Amino acid sequence: RQESVFKGLLLLQEKYPVDVVLIHD
């Protein structure tokens, strides 16, 4: 799960940086 969330964060940093992120199963 840790790796998956990290990849999601990296994608946002590259494509669409935000101020707040909510993470859900």
mmCIF file of all heavy atoms, coordinates in Angstrom:
data_MODEL
# 
_entry.id   MODEL 
# 
loop_
_atom_site.group_PDB 
_atom_site.id 
_atom_site.type_symbol 
_atom_site.label_atom_id 
_atom_site.label_alt_id 
_atom_site.label_comp_id 
_atom_site.label_asym_id 
_atom_site.label_entity_id 
_atom_site.label_seq_id 
_atom_site.pdbx_PDB_ins_code 
_atom_site.Cartn_x 
_atom_site.Cartn_y 
_atom_site.Cartn_z 
_atom_site.occupancy 
_atom_site.B_iso_or_equiv 
_atom_site.pdbx_formal_charge 
_atom_site.auth_seq_id 
_atom_site.auth_comp_id 
_atom_site.auth_asym_id 
_atom_site.auth_atom_id 
_atom_site.pdbx_PDB_model_num 
ATOM 1   N N   . ARG A 1 1  ? 0.834   -1.194 0.000   1.00 0.00 ? 1  ARG A N   1 
ATOM 2   C CA  . ARG A 1 1  ? 0.000   0.000  0.000   1.00 0.00 ? 1  ARG A CA  1 
ATOM 3   C C   . ARG A 1 1  ? 0.875   1.252  0.000   1.00 0.00 ? 1  ARG A C   1 
ATOM 4   O O   . ARG A 1 1  ? 0.583   2.242  -0.682  1.00 0.00 ? 1  ARG A O   1 
ATOM 5   C CB  . ARG A 1 1  ? -0.922  -0.018 1.223   1.00 0.00 ? 1  ARG A CB  1 
ATOM 6   C CG  . ARG A 1 1  ? -1.902  1.145  1.288   1.00 0.00 ? 1  ARG A CG  1 
ATOM 7   C CD  . ARG A 1 1  ? -2.713  1.097  2.582   1.00 0.00 ? 1  ARG A CD  1 
ATOM 8   N NE  . ARG A 1 1  ? -3.769  2.092  2.581   1.00 0.00 ? 1  ARG A NE  1 
ATOM 9   C CZ  . ARG A 1 1  ? -3.605  3.392  2.825   1.00 0.00 ? 1  ARG A CZ  1 
ATOM 10  N NH1 . ARG A 1 1  ? -2.384  3.840  3.090   1.00 0.00 ? 1  ARG A NH1 1 
ATOM 11  N NH2 . ARG A 1 1  ? -4.626  4.226  2.810   1.00 0.00 ? 1  ARG A NH2 1 
ATOM 12  N N   . GLN A 1 2  ? 1.952   1.207  0.768   1.00 0.00 ? 2  GLN A N   1 
ATOM 13  C CA  . GLN A 1 2  ? 2.865   2.344  0.855   1.00 0.00 ? 2  GLN A CA  1 
ATOM 14  C C   . GLN A 1 2  ? 3.411   2.716  -0.521  1.00 0.00 ? 2  GLN A C   1 
ATOM 15  O O   . GLN A 1 2  ? 3.419   3.891  -0.903  1.00 0.00 ? 2  GLN A O   1 
ATOM 16  C CB  . GLN A 1 2  ? 4.017   1.999  1.802   1.00 0.00 ? 2  GLN A CB  1 
ATOM 17  C CG  . GLN A 1 2  ? 5.075   3.085  1.924   1.00 0.00 ? 2  GLN A CG  1 
ATOM 18  C CD  . GLN A 1 2  ? 6.235   2.671  2.822   1.00 0.00 ? 2  GLN A CD  1 
ATOM 19  O OE1 . GLN A 1 2  ? 6.100   1.731  3.601   1.00 0.00 ? 2  GLN A OE1 1 
ATOM 20  N NE2 . GLN A 1 2  ? 7.357   3.347  2.708   1.00 0.00 ? 2  GLN A NE2 1 
ATOM 21  N N   . GLU A 1 3  ? 3.844   1.715  -1.293  1.00 0.00 ? 3  GLU A N   1 
ATOM 22  C CA  . GLU A 1 3  ? 4.383   1.975  -2.636  1.00 0.00 ? 3  GLU A CA  1 
ATOM 23  C C   . GLU A 1 3  ? 3.309   2.541  -3.558  1.00 0.00 ? 3  GLU A C   1 
ATOM 24  O O   . GLU A 1 3  ? 3.581   3.434  -4.369  1.00 0.00 ? 3  GLU A O   1 
ATOM 25  C CB  . GLU A 1 3  ? 4.951   0.692  -3.222  1.00 0.00 ? 3  GLU A CB  1 
ATOM 26  C CG  . GLU A 1 3  ? 6.197   0.181  -2.529  1.00 0.00 ? 3  GLU A CG  1 
ATOM 27  C CD  . GLU A 1 3  ? 6.692   -1.123 -3.143  1.00 0.00 ? 3  GLU A CD  1 
ATOM 28  O OE1 . GLU A 1 3  ? 6.293   -1.440 -4.279  1.00 0.00 ? 3  GLU A OE1 1 
ATOM 29  O OE2 . GLU A 1 3  ? 7.450   -1.842 -2.473  1.00 0.00 ? 3  GLU A OE2 1 
ATOM 30  N N   . SER A 1 4  ? 2.089   2.018  -3.429  1.00 0.00 ? 4  SER A N   1 
ATOM 31  C CA  . SER A 1 4  ? 1.002   2.482  -4.297  1.00 0.00 ? 4  SER A CA  1 
ATOM 32  C C   . SER A 1 4  ? 0.670   3.945  -4.041  1.00 0.00 ? 4  SER A C   1 
ATOM 33  O O   . SER A 1 4  ? 0.507   4.736  -4.972  1.00 0.00 ? 4  SER A O   1 
ATOM 34  C CB  . SER A 1 4  ? -0.238  1.611  -4.085  1.00 0.00 ? 4  SER A CB  1 
ATOM 35  O OG  . SER A 1 4  ? 0.002   0.270  -4.465  1.00 0.00 ? 4  SER A OG  1 
ATOM 36  N N   . VAL A 1 5  ? 0.561   4.313  -2.759  1.00 0.00 ? 5  VAL A N   1 
ATOM 37  C CA  . VAL A 1 5  ? 0.268   5.711  -2.424  1.00 0.00 ? 5  VAL A CA  1 
ATOM 38  C C   . VAL A 1 5  ? 1.405   6.615  -2.889  1.00 0.00 ? 5  VAL A C   1 
ATOM 39  O O   . VAL A 1 5  ? 1.174   7.706  -3.439  1.00 0.00 ? 5  VAL A O   1 
ATOM 40  C CB  . VAL A 1 5  ? 0.025   5.873  -0.912  1.00 0.00 ? 5  VAL A CB  1 
ATOM 41  C CG1 . VAL A 1 5  ? -0.098  7.349  -0.542  1.00 0.00 ? 5  VAL A CG1 1 
ATOM 42  C CG2 . VAL A 1 5  ? -1.225  5.119  -0.487  1.00 0.00 ? 5  VAL A CG2 1 
ATOM 43  N N   . PHE A 1 6  ? 2.634   6.175  -2.698  1.00 0.00 ? 6  PHE A N   1 
ATOM 44  C CA  . PHE A 1 6  ? 3.806   6.962  -3.115  1.00 0.00 ? 6  PHE A CA  1 
ATOM 45  C C   . PHE A 1 6  ? 3.755   7.242  -4.612  1.00 0.00 ? 6  PHE A C   1 
ATOM 46  O O   . PHE A 1 6  ? 4.006   8.369  -5.066  1.00 0.00 ? 6  PHE A O   1 
ATOM 47  C CB  . PHE A 1 6  ? 5.084   6.222  -2.736  1.00 0.00 ? 6  PHE A CB  1 
ATOM 48  C CG  . PHE A 1 6  ? 6.348   7.007  -2.945  1.00 0.00 ? 6  PHE A CG  1 
ATOM 49  C CD1 . PHE A 1 6  ? 6.361   8.399  -2.900  1.00 0.00 ? 6  PHE A CD1 1 
ATOM 50  C CD2 . PHE A 1 6  ? 7.558   6.358  -3.181  1.00 0.00 ? 6  PHE A CD2 1 
ATOM 51  C CE1 . PHE A 1 6  ? 7.534   9.130  -3.087  1.00 0.00 ? 6  PHE A CE1 1 
ATOM 52  C CE2 . PHE A 1 6  ? 8.733   7.067  -3.374  1.00 0.00 ? 6  PHE A CE2 1 
ATOM 53  C CZ  . PHE A 1 6  ? 8.716   8.458  -3.325  1.00 0.00 ? 6  PHE A CZ  1 
ATOM 54  N N   . LYS A 1 7  ? 3.401   6.225  -5.401  1.00 0.00 ? 7  LYS A N   1 
ATOM 55  C CA  . LYS A 1 7  ? 3.299   6.428  -6.848  1.00 0.00 ? 7  LYS A CA  1 
ATOM 56  C C   . LYS A 1 7  ? 2.188   7.413  -7.197  1.00 0.00 ? 7  LYS A C   1 
ATOM 57  O O   . LYS A 1 7  ? 2.322   8.216  -8.124  1.00 0.00 ? 7  LYS A O   1 
ATOM 58  C CB  . LYS A 1 7  ? 3.073   5.090  -7.543  1.00 0.00 ? 7  LYS A CB  1 
ATOM 59  C CG  . LYS A 1 7  ? 4.304   4.193  -7.545  1.00 0.00 ? 7  LYS A CG  1 
ATOM 60  C CD  . LYS A 1 7  ? 4.107   2.971  -8.427  1.00 0.00 ? 7  LYS A CD  1 
ATOM 61  C CE  . LYS A 1 7  ? 5.388   2.149  -8.510  1.00 0.00 ? 7  LYS A CE  1 
ATOM 62  N NZ  . LYS A 1 7  ? 5.261   1.013  -9.442  1.00 0.00 ? 7  LYS A NZ  1 
ATOM 63  N N   . GLY A 1 8  ? 1.093   7.341  -6.432  1.00 0.00 ? 8  GLY A N   1 
ATOM 64  C CA  . GLY A 1 8  ? 0.018   8.300  -6.661  1.00 0.00 ? 8  GLY A CA  1 
ATOM 65  C C   . GLY A 1 8  ? 0.441   9.721  -6.346  1.00 0.00 ? 8  GLY A C   1 
ATOM 66  O O   . GLY A 1 8  ? 0.101   10.668 -7.070  1.00 0.00 ? 8  GLY A O   1 
ATOM 67  N N   . LEU A 1 9  ? 1.214   9.895  -5.281  1.00 0.00 ? 9  LEU A N   1 
ATOM 68  C CA  . LEU A 1 9  ? 1.718   11.224 -4.917  1.00 0.00 ? 9  LEU A CA  1 
ATOM 69  C C   . LEU A 1 9  ? 2.691   11.754 -5.964  1.00 0.00 ? 9  LEU A C   1 
ATOM 70  O O   . LEU A 1 9  ? 2.649   12.946 -6.326  1.00 0.00 ? 9  LEU A O   1 
ATOM 71  C CB  . LEU A 1 9  ? 2.408   11.153 -3.554  1.00 0.00 ? 9  LEU A CB  1 
ATOM 72  C CG  . LEU A 1 9  ? 1.507   10.833 -2.349  1.00 0.00 ? 9  LEU A CG  1 
ATOM 73  C CD1 . LEU A 1 9  ? 2.363   10.578 -1.099  1.00 0.00 ? 9  LEU A CD1 1 
ATOM 74  C CD2 . LEU A 1 9  ? 0.512   11.962 -2.091  1.00 0.00 ? 9  LEU A CD2 1 
ATOM 75  N N   . LEU A 1 10 ? 3.569   10.895 -6.453  1.00 0.00 ? 10 LEU A N   1 
ATOM 76  C CA  . LEU A 1 10 ? 4.525   11.313 -7.477  1.00 0.00 ? 10 LEU A CA  1 
ATOM 77  C C   . LEU A 1 10 ? 3.815   11.725 -8.762  1.00 0.00 ? 10 LEU A C   1 
ATOM 78  O O   . LEU A 1 10 ? 4.222   12.690 -9.436  1.00 0.00 ? 10 LEU A O   1 
ATOM 79  C CB  . LEU A 1 10 ? 5.515   10.176 -7.764  1.00 0.00 ? 10 LEU A CB  1 
ATOM 80  C CG  . LEU A 1 10 ? 6.519   9.877  -6.643  1.00 0.00 ? 10 LEU A CG  1 
ATOM 81  C CD1 . LEU A 1 10 ? 7.331   8.629  -6.980  1.00 0.00 ? 10 LEU A CD1 1 
ATOM 82  C CD2 . LEU A 1 10 ? 7.453   11.075 -6.411  1.00 0.00 ? 10 LEU A CD2 1 
ATOM 83  N N   . LEU A 1 11 ? 2.741   10.992 -9.112  1.00 0.00 ? 11 LEU A N   1 
ATOM 84  C CA  . LEU A 1 11 ? 1.982   11.355 -10.311 1.00 0.00 ? 11 LEU A CA  1 
ATOM 85  C C   . LEU A 1 11 ? 1.355   12.737 -10.145 1.00 0.00 ? 11 LEU A C   1 
ATOM 86  O O   . LEU A 1 11 ? 1.382   13.562 -11.074 1.00 0.00 ? 11 LEU A O   1 
ATOM 87  C CB  . LEU A 1 11 ? 0.905   10.298 -10.565 1.00 0.00 ? 11 LEU A CB  1 
ATOM 88  C CG  . LEU A 1 11 ? 0.069   10.470 -11.845 1.00 0.00 ? 11 LEU A CG  1 
ATOM 89  C CD1 . LEU A 1 11 ? -0.346  9.118  -12.396 1.00 0.00 ? 11 LEU A CD1 1 
ATOM 90  C CD2 . LEU A 1 11 ? -1.192  11.311 -11.590 1.00 0.00 ? 11 LEU A CD2 1 
ATOM 91  N N   . LEU A 1 12 ? 0.776   13.000 -8.978  1.00 0.00 ? 12 LEU A N   1 
ATOM 92  C CA  . LEU A 1 12 ? 0.185   14.320 -8.738  1.00 0.00 ? 12 LEU A CA  1 
ATOM 93  C C   . LEU A 1 12 ? 1.240   15.419 -8.799  1.00 0.00 ? 12 LEU A C   1 
ATOM 94  O O   . LEU A 1 12 ? 0.998   16.495 -9.353  1.00 0.00 ? 12 LEU A O   1 
ATOM 95  C CB  . LEU A 1 12 ? -0.516  14.345 -7.371  1.00 0.00 ? 12 LEU A CB  1 
ATOM 96  C CG  . LEU A 1 12 ? -1.862  13.627 -7.276  1.00 0.00 ? 12 LEU A CG  1 
ATOM 97  C CD1 . LEU A 1 12 ? -2.325  13.538 -5.832  1.00 0.00 ? 12 LEU A CD1 1 
ATOM 98  C CD2 . LEU A 1 12 ? -2.920  14.343 -8.120  1.00 0.00 ? 12 LEU A CD2 1 
ATOM 99  N N   . GLN A 1 13 ? 2.412   15.166 -8.223  1.00 0.00 ? 13 GLN A N   1 
ATOM 100 C CA  . GLN A 1 13 ? 3.489   16.156 -8.249  1.00 0.00 ? 13 GLN A CA  1 
ATOM 101 C C   . GLN A 1 13 ? 3.857   16.520 -9.687  1.00 0.00 ? 13 GLN A C   1 
ATOM 102 O O   . GLN A 1 13 ? 4.111   17.690 -9.995  1.00 0.00 ? 13 GLN A O   1 
ATOM 103 C CB  . GLN A 1 13 ? 4.712   15.607 -7.509  1.00 0.00 ? 13 GLN A CB  1 
ATOM 104 C CG  . GLN A 1 13 ? 5.924   16.515 -7.516  1.00 0.00 ? 13 GLN A CG  1 
ATOM 105 C CD  . GLN A 1 13 ? 5.712   17.826 -6.759  1.00 0.00 ? 13 GLN A CD  1 
ATOM 106 O OE1 . GLN A 1 13 ? 4.725   17.972 -6.027  1.00 0.00 ? 13 GLN A OE1 1 
ATOM 107 N NE2 . GLN A 1 13 ? 6.617   18.778 -6.922  1.00 0.00 ? 13 GLN A NE2 1 
ATOM 108 N N   . GLU A 1 14 ? 3.822   15.518 -10.543 1.00 0.00 ? 14 GLU A N   1 
ATOM 109 C CA  . GLU A 1 14 ? 4.204   15.746 -11.953 1.00 0.00 ? 14 GLU A CA  1 
ATOM 110 C C   . GLU A 1 14 ? 3.066   16.346 -12.767 1.00 0.00 ? 14 GLU A C   1 
ATOM 111 O O   . GLU A 1 14 ? 3.275   17.285 -13.550 1.00 0.00 ? 14 GLU A O   1 
ATOM 112 C CB  . GLU A 1 14 ? 4.620   14.422 -12.589 1.00 0.00 ? 14 GLU A CB  1 
ATOM 113 C CG  . GLU A 1 14 ? 4.972   14.549 -14.080 1.00 0.00 ? 14 GLU A CG  1 
ATOM 114 C CD  . GLU A 1 14 ? 5.236   13.202 -14.724 1.00 0.00 ? 14 GLU A CD  1 
ATOM 115 O OE1 . GLU A 1 14 ? 5.234   12.167 -13.999 1.00 0.00 ? 14 GLU A OE1 1 
ATOM 116 O OE2 . GLU A 1 14 ? 5.417   13.173 -15.954 1.00 0.00 ? 14 GLU A OE2 1 
ATOM 117 N N   . LYS A 1 15 ? 1.847   15.831 -12.554 1.00 0.00 ? 15 LYS A N   1 
ATOM 118 C CA  . LYS A 1 15 ? 0.738   16.204 -13.439 1.00 0.00 ? 15 LYS A CA  1 
ATOM 119 C C   . LYS A 1 15 ? -0.145  17.313 -12.894 1.00 0.00 ? 15 LYS A C   1 
ATOM 120 O O   . LYS A 1 15 ? -0.668  18.143 -13.654 1.00 0.00 ? 15 LYS A O   1 
ATOM 121 C CB  . LYS A 1 15 ? -0.151  14.974 -13.694 1.00 0.00 ? 15 LYS A CB  1 
ATOM 122 C CG  . LYS A 1 15 ? 0.572   13.769 -14.295 1.00 0.00 ? 15 LYS A CG  1 
ATOM 123 C CD  . LYS A 1 15 ? 0.860   13.961 -15.766 1.00 0.00 ? 15 LYS A CD  1 
ATOM 124 C CE  . LYS A 1 15 ? 1.398   12.682 -16.386 1.00 0.00 ? 15 LYS A CE  1 
ATOM 125 N NZ  . LYS A 1 15 ? 1.679   12.826 -17.827 1.00 0.00 ? 15 LYS A NZ  1 
ATOM 126 N N   . TYR A 1 16 ? -0.360  17.313 -11.548 1.00 0.00 ? 16 TYR A N   1 
ATOM 127 C CA  . TYR A 1 16 ? -1.322  18.258 -10.996 1.00 0.00 ? 16 TYR A CA  1 
ATOM 128 C C   . TYR A 1 16 ? -1.068  18.460 -9.510  1.00 0.00 ? 16 TYR A C   1 
ATOM 129 O O   . TYR A 1 16 ? -1.785  17.901 -8.653  1.00 0.00 ? 16 TYR A O   1 
ATOM 130 C CB  . TYR A 1 16 ? -2.761  17.745 -11.224 1.00 0.00 ? 16 TYR A CB  1 
ATOM 131 C CG  . TYR A 1 16 ? -3.824  18.806 -11.123 1.00 0.00 ? 16 TYR A CG  1 
ATOM 132 C CD1 . TYR A 1 16 ? -4.086  19.656 -12.198 1.00 0.00 ? 16 TYR A CD1 1 
ATOM 133 C CD2 . TYR A 1 16 ? -4.568  18.965 -9.957  1.00 0.00 ? 16 TYR A CD2 1 
ATOM 134 C CE1 . TYR A 1 16 ? -5.070  20.631 -12.116 1.00 0.00 ? 16 TYR A CE1 1 
ATOM 135 C CE2 . TYR A 1 16 ? -5.551  19.945 -9.859  1.00 0.00 ? 16 TYR A CE2 1 
ATOM 136 C CZ  . TYR A 1 16 ? -5.798  20.781 -10.947 1.00 0.00 ? 16 TYR A CZ  1 
ATOM 137 O OH  . TYR A 1 16 ? -6.757  21.754 -10.875 1.00 0.00 ? 16 TYR A OH  1 
ATOM 138 N N   . PRO A 1 17 ? -0.083  19.242 -9.130  1.00 0.00 ? 17 PRO A N   1 
ATOM 139 C CA  . PRO A 1 17 ? 0.225   19.476 -7.705  1.00 0.00 ? 17 PRO A CA  1 
ATOM 140 C C   . PRO A 1 17 ? -0.971  20.114 -6.995  1.00 0.00 ? 17 PRO A C   1 
ATOM 141 O O   . PRO A 1 17 ? -1.654  20.979 -7.551  1.00 0.00 ? 17 PRO A O   1 
ATOM 142 C CB  . PRO A 1 17 ? 1.421   20.429 -7.758  1.00 0.00 ? 17 PRO A CB  1 
ATOM 143 C CG  . PRO A 1 17 ? 2.014   20.223 -9.117  1.00 0.00 ? 17 PRO A CG  1 
ATOM 144 C CD  . PRO A 1 17 ? 0.861   19.930 -10.022 1.00 0.00 ? 17 PRO A CD  1 
ATOM 145 N N   . VAL A 1 18 ? -1.203  19.676 -5.762  1.00 0.00 ? 18 VAL A N   1 
ATOM 146 C CA  . VAL A 1 18 ? -2.353  20.164 -5.000  1.00 0.00 ? 18 VAL A CA  1 
ATOM 147 C C   . VAL A 1 18 ? -1.896  20.609 -3.617  1.00 0.00 ? 18 VAL A C   1 
ATOM 148 O O   . VAL A 1 18 ? -0.722  20.483 -3.251  1.00 0.00 ? 18 VAL A O   1 
ATOM 149 C CB  . VAL A 1 18 ? -3.436  19.071 -4.874  1.00 0.00 ? 18 VAL A CB  1 
ATOM 150 C CG1 . VAL A 1 18 ? -4.058  18.757 -6.217  1.00 0.00 ? 18 VAL A CG1 1 
ATOM 151 C CG2 . VAL A 1 18 ? -2.870  17.806 -4.232  1.00 0.00 ? 18 VAL A CG2 1 
ATOM 152 N N   . ASP A 1 19 ? -2.840  21.127 -2.846  1.00 0.00 ? 19 ASP A N   1 
ATOM 153 C CA  . ASP A 1 19 ? -2.543  21.557 -1.474  1.00 0.00 ? 19 ASP A CA  1 
ATOM 154 C C   . ASP A 1 19 ? -2.870  20.470 -0.453  1.00 0.00 ? 19 ASP A C   1 
ATOM 155 O O   . ASP A 1 19 ? -2.169  20.318 0.553   1.00 0.00 ? 19 ASP A O   1 
ATOM 156 C CB  . ASP A 1 19 ? -3.356  22.817 -1.145  1.00 0.00 ? 19 ASP A CB  1 
ATOM 157 C CG  . ASP A 1 19 ? -3.080  23.943 -2.117  1.00 0.00 ? 19 ASP A CG  1 
ATOM 158 O OD1 . ASP A 1 19 ? -1.897  24.334 -2.230  1.00 0.00 ? 19 ASP A OD1 1 
ATOM 159 O OD2 . ASP A 1 19 ? -4.030  24.404 -2.769  1.00 0.00 ? 19 ASP A OD2 1 
ATOM 160 N N   . VAL A 1 20 ? -3.955  19.754 -0.701  1.00 0.00 ? 20 VAL A N   1 
ATOM 161 C CA  . VAL A 1 20 ? -4.434  18.726 0.225   1.00 0.00 ? 20 VAL A CA  1 
ATOM 162 C C   . VAL A 1 20 ? -4.684  17.443 -0.543  1.00 0.00 ? 20 VAL A C   1 
ATOM 163 O O   . VAL A 1 20 ? -5.211  17.464 -1.665  1.00 0.00 ? 20 VAL A O   1 
ATOM 164 C CB  . VAL A 1 20 ? -5.744  19.179 0.918   1.00 0.00 ? 20 VAL A CB  1 
ATOM 165 C CG1 . VAL A 1 20 ? -6.338  18.044 1.749   1.00 0.00 ? 20 VAL A CG1 1 
ATOM 166 C CG2 . VAL A 1 20 ? -5.501  20.411 1.776   1.00 0.00 ? 20 VAL A CG2 1 
ATOM 167 N N   . VAL A 1 21 ? -4.318  16.314 0.064   1.00 0.00 ? 21 VAL A N   1 
ATOM 168 C CA  . VAL A 1 21 ? -4.609  15.019 -0.542  1.00 0.00 ? 21 VAL A CA  1 
ATOM 169 C C   . VAL A 1 21 ? -5.329  14.145 0.471   1.00 0.00 ? 21 VAL A C   1 
ATOM 170 O O   . VAL A 1 21 ? -4.966  14.087 1.650   1.00 0.00 ? 21 VAL A O   1 
ATOM 171 C CB  . VAL A 1 21 ? -3.321  14.324 -1.045  1.00 0.00 ? 21 VAL A CB  1 
ATOM 172 C CG1 . VAL A 1 21 ? -2.348  14.048 0.087   1.00 0.00 ? 21 VAL A CG1 1 
ATOM 173 C CG2 . VAL A 1 21 ? -3.669  13.030 -1.778  1.00 0.00 ? 21 VAL A CG2 1 
ATOM 174 N N   . LEU A 1 22 ? -6.392  13.517 0.011   1.00 0.00 ? 22 LEU A N   1 
ATOM 175 C CA  . LEU A 1 22 ? -7.147  12.554 0.811   1.00 0.00 ? 22 LEU A CA  1 
ATOM 176 C C   . LEU A 1 22 ? -6.914  11.167 0.224   1.00 0.00 ? 22 LEU A C   1 
ATOM 177 O O   . LEU A 1 22 ? -7.023  10.984 -0.995  1.00 0.00 ? 22 LEU A O   1 
ATOM 178 C CB  . LEU A 1 22 ? -8.638  12.880 0.795   1.00 0.00 ? 22 LEU A CB  1 
ATOM 179 C CG  . LEU A 1 22 ? -9.036  14.258 1.338   1.00 0.00 ? 22 LEU A CG  1 
ATOM 180 C CD1 . LEU A 1 22 ? -10.525 14.506 1.124   1.00 0.00 ? 22 LEU A CD1 1 
ATOM 181 C CD2 . LEU A 1 22 ? -8.708  14.369 2.812   1.00 0.00 ? 22 LEU A CD2 1 
ATOM 182 N N   . ILE A 1 23 ? -6.600  10.212 1.073   1.00 0.00 ? 23 ILE A N   1 
ATOM 183 C CA  . ILE A 1 23 ? -6.260  8.868  0.621   1.00 0.00 ? 23 ILE A CA  1 
ATOM 184 C C   . ILE A 1 23 ? -7.292  7.896  1.168   1.00 0.00 ? 23 ILE A C   1 
ATOM 185 O O   . ILE A 1 23 ? -7.560  7.869  2.378   1.00 0.00 ? 23 ILE A O   1 
ATOM 186 C CB  . ILE A 1 23 ? -4.851  8.472  1.087   1.00 0.00 ? 23 ILE A CB  1 
ATOM 187 C CG1 . ILE A 1 23 ? -3.833  9.480  0.539   1.00 0.00 ? 23 ILE A CG1 1 
ATOM 188 C CG2 . ILE A 1 23 ? -4.497  7.059  0.636   1.00 0.00 ? 23 ILE A CG2 1 
ATOM 189 C CD1 . ILE A 1 23 ? -2.498  9.437  1.230   1.00 0.00 ? 23 ILE A CD1 1 
ATOM 190 N N   . HIS A 1 24 ? -7.869  7.089  0.278   1.00 0.00 ? 24 HIS A N   1 
ATOM 191 C CA  . HIS A 1 24 ? -8.972  6.210  0.678   1.00 0.00 ? 24 HIS A CA  1 
ATOM 192 C C   . HIS A 1 24 ? -8.808  4.829  0.059   1.00 0.00 ? 24 HIS A C   1 
ATOM 193 O O   . HIS A 1 24 ? -8.332  4.687  -1.068  1.00 0.00 ? 24 HIS A O   1 
ATOM 194 C CB  . HIS A 1 24 ? -10.305 6.815  0.230   1.00 0.00 ? 24 HIS A CB  1 
ATOM 195 C CG  . HIS A 1 24 ? -11.510 6.078  0.721   1.00 0.00 ? 24 HIS A CG  1 
ATOM 196 N ND1 . HIS A 1 24 ? -11.747 5.831  2.054   1.00 0.00 ? 24 HIS A ND1 1 
ATOM 197 C CD2 . HIS A 1 24 ? -12.566 5.528  0.049   1.00 0.00 ? 24 HIS A CD2 1 
ATOM 198 C CE1 . HIS A 1 24 ? -12.890 5.174  2.190   1.00 0.00 ? 24 HIS A CE1 1 
ATOM 199 N NE2 . HIS A 1 24 ? -13.400 4.962  0.978   1.00 0.00 ? 24 HIS A NE2 1 
ATOM 200 N N   . ASP A 1 25 ? -9.224  3.804  0.808   1.00 0.00 ? 25 ASP A N   1 
ATOM 201 C CA  . ASP A 1 25 ? -9.217  2.434  0.299   1.00 0.00 ? 25 ASP A CA  1 
ATOM 202 C C   . ASP A 1 25 ? -10.359 2.258  -0.700  1.00 0.00 ? 25 ASP A C   1 
ATOM 203 O O   . ASP A 1 25 ? -11.522 2.534  -0.388  1.00 0.00 ? 25 ASP A O   1 
ATOM 204 C CB  . ASP A 1 25 ? -9.411  1.427  1.438   1.00 0.00 ? 25 ASP A CB  1 
ATOM 205 C CG  . ASP A 1 25 ? -8.285  1.474  2.461   1.00 0.00 ? 25 ASP A CG  1 
ATOM 206 O OD1 . ASP A 1 25 ? -7.141  1.725  2.053   1.00 0.00 ? 25 ASP A OD1 1 
ATOM 207 O OD2 . ASP A 1 25 ? -8.560  1.253  3.660   1.00 0.00 ? 25 ASP A OD2 1 
# 
